[in-house]
Amino acid sequence: MSGINEASGPGVEATTAGTAASALFAHHEGGNVGYGVYATSAVGTGVYGNASNNGVVGISSTAAGTGVAAWNTQGGFALRVNGKAGFGRSGLLTLASSASSRSPGPGCH
């Protein structure tokens, strides 16, 4: 399957109304490293997720893997958060609004 749209609108569109069903399921089953989904955009956003629950989810099934990886090859932000951020395996650090940095206390790494 392939889709090309050189004007406007999606190149490929998939929909479903099924319970716990995926509109699009992509997988890589090769013996070498590959991508289940690869997205690129010359101008704009490579991957955009919008949902009533989680817009984008990343899960790694191995201890050596990373659930979500982000980097910027040009020196900008690798990760930008607009709103609250929650971390399940971190300590507590409070920054005053006037502070530019702070070192974690004992037990925080």
Protein backbone atom coordinates (compact mmCIF):
# COMPACT_ATOMS: atom_id res chain seq x y z
CA MET A 1 0.00 0.00 0.00
CA SER A 2 1.24 3.48 -0.72
CA GLY A 3 -0.33 6.87 -0.90
CA ILE A 4 0.78 10.10 -2.49
CA ASN A 5 -1.03 13.38 -2.37
CA GLU A 6 0.74 16.31 -3.96
CA ALA A 7 -2.00 18.85 -3.23
CA SER A 8 -3.64 18.70 0.20
CA GLY A 9 -5.10 16.11 2.53
CA PRO A 10 -3.65 12.78 3.63
CA GLY A 11 -1.63 10.48 1.41
CA VAL A 12 -3.06 7.48 3.29
CA GLU A 13 -6.06 7.53 5.60
CA ALA A 14 -7.24 4.70 7.83
CA THR A 15 -10.27 4.64 10.13
CA THR A 16 -11.91 2.18 12.48
CA ALA A 17 -14.82 2.23 14.90
CA GLY A 18 -13.91 -1.10 16.51
CA THR A 19 -13.40 -1.41 20.25
CA ALA A 20 -9.66 -1.34 21.13
CA ALA A 21 -8.87 -1.55 17.41
CA SER A 22 -6.10 0.24 15.52
CA ALA A 23 -6.91 2.23 12.43
CA LEU A 24 -3.36 1.56 11.24
CA PHE A 25 -1.03 -1.20 12.43
CA ALA A 26 2.57 -1.16 11.27
CA HIS A 27 5.31 -3.56 12.30
CA HIS A 28 8.86 -4.54 11.40
CA GLU A 29 9.71 -8.19 11.80
CA GLY A 30 13.18 -8.29 10.24
CA GLY A 31 16.24 -9.67 11.98
CA ASN A 32 17.93 -6.25 11.91
CA VAL A 33 17.02 -2.90 13.41
CA GLY A 34 14.15 -1.20 11.62
CA TYR A 35 11.07 0.96 12.12
CA GLY A 36 7.45 0.05 12.67
CA VAL A 37 6.56 3.59 11.65
CA TYR A 38 8.90 6.14 10.11
CA ALA A 39 7.65 9.66 9.51
CA THR A 40 9.43 12.68 8.13
CA SER A 41 8.35 16.15 7.12
CA ALA A 42 10.33 18.66 5.08
CA VAL A 43 8.49 21.46 6.88
CA GLY A 44 6.39 20.85 9.98
CA THR A 45 5.87 17.88 12.28
CA GLY A 46 7.05 14.33 11.56
CA VAL A 47 4.64 12.61 13.97
CA TYR A 48 1.60 14.25 15.54
CA GLY A 49 -0.65 12.53 18.04
CA ASN A 50 -3.95 13.90 19.31
CA ALA A 51 -6.32 11.88 21.48
CA SER A 52 -8.67 12.16 24.44
CA ASN A 53 -6.28 10.00 26.52
CA ASN A 54 -2.62 9.76 25.40
CA GLY A 55 -1.57 11.55 22.23
CA VAL A 56 1.66 9.56 21.83
CA VAL A 57 2.87 6.53 23.83
CA GLY A 58 6.30 4.93 23.71
CA ILE A 59 7.07 1.56 25.29
CA SER A 60 10.25 -0.50 25.23
CA SER A 61 10.00 -4.24 25.86
CA THR A 62 13.68 -4.61 26.84
CA ALA A 63 15.72 -3.25 29.75
CA ALA A 64 18.27 -1.83 27.31
CA GLY A 65 15.62 0.03 25.31
CA THR A 66 14.11 3.48 25.74
CA GLY A 67 10.37 4.09 25.71
CA VAL A 68 10.64 7.56 24.20
CA ALA A 69 13.85 9.06 22.83
CA ALA A 70 14.22 12.68 21.78
CA TRP A 71 17.14 14.61 20.37
CA ASN A 72 17.88 17.76 18.44
CA THR A 73 20.84 17.63 16.07
CA GLN A 74 21.06 21.42 15.74
CA GLY A 75 21.45 22.46 19.41
CA GLY A 76 17.79 23.22 20.16
CA PHE A 77 15.50 21.54 22.67
CA ALA A 78 15.37 17.75 22.49
CA LEU A 79 12.23 17.72 24.63
CA ARG A 80 9.80 20.54 25.24
CA VAL A 81 6.92 20.17 27.68
CA ASN A 82 3.98 22.56 27.72
CA GLY A 83 2.09 21.87 30.94
CA LYS A 84 2.86 19.64 33.89
CA ALA A 85 5.39 16.83 33.57
CA GLY A 86 5.21 13.71 35.71
CA PHE A 87 8.10 11.33 36.31
CA GLY A 88 7.44 7.99 38.00
CA ARG A 89 11.00 7.22 39.13
CA SER A 90 12.44 10.51 40.28
CA GLY A 91 12.89 12.44 43.49
CA LEU A 92 11.32 15.74 44.39
CA LEU A 93 13.03 19.03 43.59
CA THR A 94 11.43 22.43 43.98
CA LEU A 95 12.71 25.45 42.09
CA ALA A 96 11.90 29.01 43.03
CA SER A 97 10.50 31.00 40.12
CA SER A 98 13.64 33.19 40.16
CA ALA A 99 16.08 30.22 40.15
CA SER A 100 17.96 29.28 37.01
CA SER A 101 19.25 25.98 38.43
CA ARG A 102 19.47 23.86 41.56
CA SER A 103 21.39 20.77 42.60
CA PRO A 104 19.39 17.79 43.86
CA GLY A 105 19.62 16.90 47.55
CA PRO A 106 20.90 13.64 49.05
CA GLY A 107 19.36 10.55 47.53
CA CYS A 108 18.42 12.26 44.26
CA HIS A 109 20.50 11.35 41.22
